[in-house]
C-alpha atoms as a PDB file:
ATOM      1  CA  UNK A   1     105.933  78.739 136.195  1.00  0.00           C
ATOM      2  CA  UNK A   2     104.335  77.190 132.948  1.00  0.00           C
ATOM      3  CA  UNK A   3     107.044  78.814 129.672  1.00  0.00           C
ATOM      4  CA  UNK A   4     105.137  80.292 126.162  1.00  0.00           C
ATOM      5  CA  UNK A   5     105.027  78.189 123.627  1.00  0.00           C
ATOM      6  CA  UNK A   6     107.830  78.284 121.040  1.00  0.00           C
ATOM      7  CA  UNK A   7     106.608  79.356 118.418  1.00  0.00           C
ATOM      8  CA  UNK A   8     105.473  77.860 115.318  1.00  0.00           C
ATOM      9  CA  UNK A   9     108.209  77.292 111.952  1.00  0.00           C
ATOM     10  CA  UNK A  10     105.678  76.906 108.796  1.00  0.00           C
ATOM     11  CA  UNK A  11     109.459  78.391 107.400  1.00  0.00           C
ATOM     12  CA  UNK A  12     112.470  76.591 107.056  1.00  0.00           C
ATOM     13  CA  UNK A  13     115.569  78.373 105.676  1.00  0.00           C
ATOM     14  CA  UNK A  14     116.592  75.391 103.817  1.00  0.00           C
ATOM     15  CA  UNK A  15     113.068  75.077 101.711  1.00  0.00           C
ATOM     16  CA  UNK A  16     112.165  79.001 102.197  1.00  0.00           C
ATOM     17  CA  UNK A  17     110.629  80.603  98.895  1.00  0.00           C
ATOM     18  CA  UNK A  18     109.871  83.969  98.828  1.00  0.00           C
ATOM     19  CA  UNK A  19     106.932  83.641  96.652  1.00  0.00           C
ATOM     20  CA  UNK A  20     105.379  81.175  99.768  1.00  0.00           C
ATOM     21  CA  UNK A  21     106.198  84.412 101.832  1.00  0.00           C
ATOM     22  CA  UNK A  22     102.773  85.369 103.708  1.00  0.00           C
ATOM     23  CA  UNK A  23     105.207  88.841 104.541  1.00  0.00           C
ATOM     24  CA  UNK A  24     105.240  89.416 100.677  1.00  0.00           C
ATOM     25  CA  UNK A  25     101.369  88.293  99.662  1.00  0.00           C
ATOM     26  CA  UNK A  26     100.780  90.755 102.086  1.00  0.00           C
ATOM     27  CA  UNK A  27     102.792  93.345 100.494  1.00  0.00           C
ATOM     28  CA  UNK A  28     102.080  92.862  96.867  1.00  0.00           C
ATOM     29  CA  UNK A  29      98.064  92.997  98.493  1.00  0.00           C
ATOM     30  CA  UNK A  30      98.680  96.633 100.010  1.00  0.00           C
ATOM     31  CA  UNK A  31     100.865  97.883  97.308  1.00  0.00           C
ATOM     32  CA  UNK A  32      97.970  97.090  95.065  1.00  0.00           C
ATOM     33  CA  UNK A  33      95.285  98.199  97.454  1.00  0.00           C
ATOM     34  CA  UNK A  34      97.281 101.658  97.612  1.00  0.00           C
ATOM     35  CA  UNK A  35      96.907 101.413  93.522  1.00  0.00           C
ATOM     36  CA  UNK A  36      93.403 100.714  93.581  1.00  0.00           C
ATOM     37  CA  UNK A  37      92.593 103.814  95.836  1.00  0.00           C
ATOM     38  CA  UNK A  38      95.052 106.448  94.093  1.00  0.00           C
ATOM     39  CA  UNK A  39      93.312 105.540  90.686  1.00  0.00           C
ATOM     40  CA  UNK A  40      90.155 105.725  92.338  1.00  0.00           C
ATOM     41  CA  UNK A  41      91.023 109.467  93.722  1.00  0.00           C
ATOM     42  CA  UNK A  42      92.394 110.544  90.950  1.00  0.00           C
ATOM     43  CA  UNK A  43      89.565 113.005  89.871  1.00  0.00           C
ATOM     44  CA  UNK A  44      89.531 114.073  94.054  1.00  0.00           C
ATOM     45  CA  UNK A  45      92.250 116.961  95.602  1.00  0.00           C
ATOM     46  CA  UNK A  46      93.339 113.333  97.802  1.00  0.00           C
ATOM     47  CA  UNK A  47      96.268 111.357  96.973  1.00  0.00           C
ATOM     48  CA  UNK A  48      96.311 107.842  98.249  1.00  0.00           C
ATOM     49  CA  UNK A  49      98.846 108.990 101.378  1.00  0.00           C
ATOM     50  CA  UNK A  50      96.422 111.723 102.000  1.00  0.00           C
ATOM     51  CA  UNK A  51      93.032 110.194 102.654  1.00  0.00           C
ATOM     52  CA  UNK A  52      93.806 108.655 106.164  1.00  0.00           C
ATOM     53  CA  UNK A  53      94.744 111.490 107.842  1.00  0.00           C
ATOM     54  CA  UNK A  54      91.803 113.290 106.437  1.00  0.00           C
ATOM     55  CA  UNK A  55      89.700 110.878 107.637  1.00  0.00           C
ATOM     56  CA  UNK A  56      91.189 109.927 110.563  1.00  0.00           C
ATOM     57  CA  UNK A  57      90.350 113.569 111.316  1.00  0.00           C
ATOM     58  CA  UNK A  58      86.840 113.751 109.816  1.00  0.00           C
ATOM     59  CA  UNK A  59      86.539 110.509 112.207  1.00  0.00           C
ATOM     60  CA  UNK A  60      87.686 112.584 115.294  1.00  0.00           C
ATOM     61  CA  UNK A  61      90.802 110.278 116.204  1.00  0.00           C
ATOM     62  CA  UNK A  62      92.989 113.360 116.320  1.00  0.00           C
ATOM     63  CA  UNK A  63      92.845 116.890 116.999  1.00  0.00           C
ATOM     64  CA  UNK A  64      96.873 117.990 116.795  1.00  0.00           C
ATOM     65  CA  UNK A  65     100.194 116.963 114.604  1.00  0.00           C
ATOM     66  CA  UNK A  66     101.350 114.530 117.144  1.00  0.00           C
ATOM     67  CA  UNK A  67      98.112 112.813 117.367  1.00  0.00           C
ATOM     68  CA  UNK A  68      97.402 112.372 113.851  1.00  0.00           C
ATOM     69  CA  UNK A  69     101.157 111.630 113.286  1.00  0.00           C
ATOM     70  CA  UNK A  70     100.414 108.405 115.734  1.00  0.00           C
ATOM     71  CA  UNK A  71      97.750 107.291 114.547  1.00  0.00           C
ATOM     72  CA  UNK A  72      98.380 107.956 110.934  1.00  0.00           C
ATOM     73  CA  UNK A  73     102.320 106.167 112.095  1.00  0.00           C
ATOM     74  CA  UNK A  74     104.164 109.024 110.391  1.00  0.00           C
ATOM     75  CA  UNK A  75     106.891 110.847 111.857  1.00  0.00           C
ATOM     76  CA  UNK A  76     106.353 114.507 112.983  1.00  0.00           C
ATOM     77  CA  UNK A  77     108.287 115.791 109.823  1.00  0.00           C
ATOM     78  CA  UNK A  78     106.767 113.544 107.923  1.00  0.00           C
ATOM     79  CA  UNK A  79     102.886 113.979 109.390  1.00  0.00           C
ATOM     80  CA  UNK A  80     104.092 118.275 109.306  1.00  0.00           C
ATOM     81  CA  UNK A  81     105.186 117.679 105.283  1.00  0.00           C
ATOM     82  CA  UNK A  82     101.437 116.130 104.200  1.00  0.00           C
ATOM     83  CA  UNK A  83      99.901 118.931 106.006  1.00  0.00           C
ATOM     84  CA  UNK A  84     101.126 121.688 104.208  1.00  0.00           C
ATOM     85  CA  UNK A  85      99.979 120.075 101.043  1.00  0.00           C
ATOM     86  CA  UNK A  86      96.583 119.033 102.976  1.00  0.00           C
ATOM     87  CA  UNK A  87      96.497 122.888 103.833  1.00  0.00           C
ATOM     88  CA  UNK A  88      97.583 124.166 100.250  1.00  0.00           C
ATOM     89  CA  UNK A  89      94.456 122.267  98.950  1.00  0.00           C
ATOM     90  CA  UNK A  90      92.493 123.987 101.213  1.00  0.00           C
ATOM     91  CA  UNK A  91      91.674 120.863 102.892  1.00  0.00           C
ATOM     92  CA  UNK A  92      92.601 121.713 106.520  1.00  0.00           C
ATOM     93  CA  UNK A  93      93.943 124.883 108.736  1.00  0.00           C
ATOM     94  CA  UNK A  94      96.641 124.673 112.040  1.00  0.00           C
ATOM     95  CA  UNK A  95      96.569 126.711 115.235  1.00  0.00           C
ATOM     96  CA  UNK A  96      98.638 126.872 117.821  1.00  0.00           C
ATOM     97  CA  UNK A  97      96.690 126.027 121.025  1.00  0.00           C
ATOM     98  CA  UNK A  98      96.087 128.706 123.470  1.00  0.00           C
ATOM     99  CA  UNK A  99      97.374 126.673 126.292  1.00  0.00           C
ATOM    100  CA  UNK A 100     100.526 125.223 124.974  1.00  0.00           C
ATOM    101  CA  UNK A 101     101.941 126.687 122.523  1.00  0.00           C
ATOM    102  CA  UNK A 102     103.681 123.685 121.475  1.00  0.00           C
ATOM    103  CA  UNK A 103     100.844 122.012 121.193  1.00  0.00           C
ATOM    104  CA  UNK A 104      99.238 122.922 116.875  1.00  0.00           C
ATOM    105  CA  UNK A 105      95.774 121.885 116.533  1.00  0.00           C
ATOM    106  CA  UNK A 106      94.180 120.861 113.488  1.00  0.00           C
ATOM    107  CA  UNK A 107      90.624 121.479 111.083  1.00  0.00           C
ATOM    108  CA  UNK A 108      89.080 119.921 108.575  1.00  0.00           C
ATOM    109  CA  UNK A 109      87.746 122.802 106.037  1.00  0.00           C
ATOM    110  CA  UNK A 110      84.012 121.958 104.558  1.00  0.00           C
ATOM    111  CA  UNK A 111      86.173 121.219 101.344  1.00  0.00           C
ATOM    112  CA  UNK A 112      88.792 118.400 104.008  1.00  0.00           C
ATOM    113  CA  UNK A 113      84.521 117.494 104.979  1.00  0.00           C
ATOM    114  CA  UNK A 114      83.296 117.068 101.538  1.00  0.00           C
ATOM    115  CA  UNK A 115      86.670 115.001 100.692  1.00  0.00           C
ATOM    116  CA  UNK A 116      86.766 113.181 103.896  1.00  0.00           C
ATOM    117  CA  UNK A 117      82.835 111.564 103.381  1.00  0.00           C
ATOM    118  CA  UNK A 118      83.590 110.229  99.683  1.00  0.00           C
ATOM    119  CA  UNK A 119      86.911 107.979 101.330  1.00  0.00           C
ATOM    120  CA  UNK A 120      84.759 104.942 102.409  1.00  0.00           C
ATOM    121  CA  UNK A 121      82.724 104.630  99.178  1.00  0.00           C
ATOM    122  CA  UNK A 122      86.617 104.084  97.898  1.00  0.00           C
ATOM    123  CA  UNK A 123      88.103 102.266 100.142  1.00  0.00           C
ATOM    124  CA  UNK A 124      84.852  99.962 100.292  1.00  0.00           C
ATOM    125  CA  UNK A 125      85.067  99.955  96.557  1.00  0.00           C
ATOM    126  CA  UNK A 126      88.171  98.833  96.476  1.00  0.00           C
ATOM    127  CA  UNK A 127      88.760  96.553  99.014  1.00  0.00           C
ATOM    128  CA  UNK A 128      85.315  94.787  97.304  1.00  0.00           C
ATOM    129  CA  UNK A 129      87.520  93.769  94.296  1.00  0.00           C
ATOM    130  CA  UNK A 130      90.380  92.142  96.090  1.00  0.00           C
ATOM    131  CA  UNK A 131      87.405  90.051  97.601  1.00  0.00           C
ATOM    132  CA  UNK A 132      86.127  89.056  94.526  1.00  0.00           C
ATOM    133  CA  UNK A 133      84.899  85.565  94.615  1.00  0.00           C
ATOM    134  CA  UNK A 134      85.680  84.575  98.310  1.00  0.00           C
ATOM    135  CA  UNK A 135      82.342  83.819  99.836  1.00  0.00           C
ATOM    136  CA  UNK A 136      80.865  85.284 103.408  1.00  0.00           C
ATOM    137  CA  UNK A 137      82.624  82.715 105.724  1.00  0.00           C
ATOM    138  CA  UNK A 138      85.918  82.542 103.549  1.00  0.00           C
ATOM    139  CA  UNK A 139      86.226  86.511 104.146  1.00  0.00           C
ATOM    140  CA  UNK A 140      85.256  85.804 108.082  1.00  0.00           C
ATOM    141  CA  UNK A 141      88.057  82.982 108.080  1.00  0.00           C
ATOM    142  CA  UNK A 142      90.383  85.108 106.454  1.00  0.00           C
ATOM    143  CA  UNK A 143      89.459  88.540 108.803  1.00  0.00           C
ATOM    144  CA  UNK A 144      89.188  86.534 111.606  1.00  0.00           C
ATOM    145  CA  UNK A 145      93.381  85.077 110.521  1.00  0.00           C
ATOM    146  CA  UNK A 146      94.329  88.516 110.388  1.00  0.00           C
ATOM    147  CA  UNK A 147      93.206  89.416 113.192  1.00  0.00           C
ATOM    148  CA  UNK A 148      95.211  86.852 114.896  1.00  0.00           C
ATOM    149  CA  UNK A 149      98.482  87.609 112.947  1.00  0.00           C
ATOM    150  CA  UNK A 150      97.706  91.368 114.180  1.00  0.00           C
ATOM    151  CA  UNK A 151      97.114  89.968 117.621  1.00  0.00           C
ATOM    152  CA  UNK A 152     100.493  88.573 117.421  1.00  0.00           C
ATOM    153  CA  UNK A 153     102.317  91.457 116.238  1.00  0.00           C
ATOM    154  CA  UNK A 154     100.422  93.685 118.354  1.00  0.00           C
ATOM    155  CA  UNK A 155     101.321  91.132 121.649  1.00  0.00           C
ATOM    156  CA  UNK A 156     105.034  90.896 120.989  1.00  0.00           C
ATOM    157  CA  UNK A 157     104.670  86.419 119.666  1.00  0.00           C
ATOM    158  CA  UNK A 158     105.705  87.721 116.495  1.00  0.00           C
ATOM    159  CA  UNK A 159     109.289  89.738 117.782  1.00  0.00           C
ATOM    160  CA  UNK A 160     110.691  86.244 119.367  1.00  0.00           C
ATOM    161  CA  UNK A 161     113.219  84.951 116.598  1.00  0.00           C
ATOM    162  CA  UNK A 162     115.559  83.497 118.523  1.00  0.00           C
ATOM    163  CA  UNK A 163     112.965  80.776 119.456  1.00  0.00           C
ATOM    164  CA  UNK A 164     113.784  77.634 119.007  1.00  0.00           C
ATOM    165  CA  UNK A 165     112.911  76.354 116.406  1.00  0.00           C
ATOM    166  CA  UNK A 166     110.682  73.331 116.161  1.00  0.00           C
ATOM    167  CA  UNK A 167     110.723  71.006 112.857  1.00  0.00           C
ATOM    168  CA  UNK A 168     107.956  69.012 113.927  1.00  0.00           C
ATOM    169  CA  UNK A 169     105.206  71.419 114.847  1.00  0.00           C
ATOM    170  CA  UNK A 170     102.492  71.269 112.526  1.00  0.00           C
ATOM    171  CA  UNK A 171     101.365  73.797 109.484  1.00  0.00           C
ATOM    172  CA  UNK A 172      98.003  74.997 108.452  1.00  0.00           C
ATOM    173  CA  UNK A 173      97.758  72.156 105.775  1.00  0.00           C
ATOM    174  CA  UNK A 174      99.033  69.614 108.967  1.00  0.00           C
ATOM    175  CA  UNK A 175     102.668  68.574 107.144  1.00  0.00           C
ATOM    176  CA  UNK A 176     105.699  69.382 108.732  1.00  0.00           C
ATOM    177  CA  UNK A 177     106.693  71.564 105.274  1.00  0.00           C
ATOM    178  CA  UNK A 178     105.777  74.651 104.218  1.00  0.00           C
ATOM    179  CA  UNK A 179     105.939  74.910 100.750  1.00  0.00           C
END
């Protein structure tokens, strides 16, 4: 029986620099993307926090409060508060299921559907702005690398912080120093 490979040690405690952290870089990118989307939605009925549930509903990824909360990675209470705001803006409606009173169905109103159709253009504009200067090949590589990191996250490989350290593990540059 083979043992899973030890995770790489691209980062070492003795020379760790936060500015070299991919986690920090990703957080900064996400923050910048959120600010860009918020700026472009300023004249719409939506905020940055509200576009995802509206788009998920529009695309048919969810039809109930519980499904939408899962899709948006929010707890039920946060989703209820979000839907309160969306309903107050006239973008969605909620109704109890006739077959199971515990289930709350959600539907977009015509105004919500119209708002949803404008979201992809905003997202594309913001994302493309952040990708300025990358060639098509670089974009494909970036996407592939991020998909691999995301796969590690979903497969549980990223959840093994107690794995043995391997100081001779190669880094992306081929060196053992992560700086």
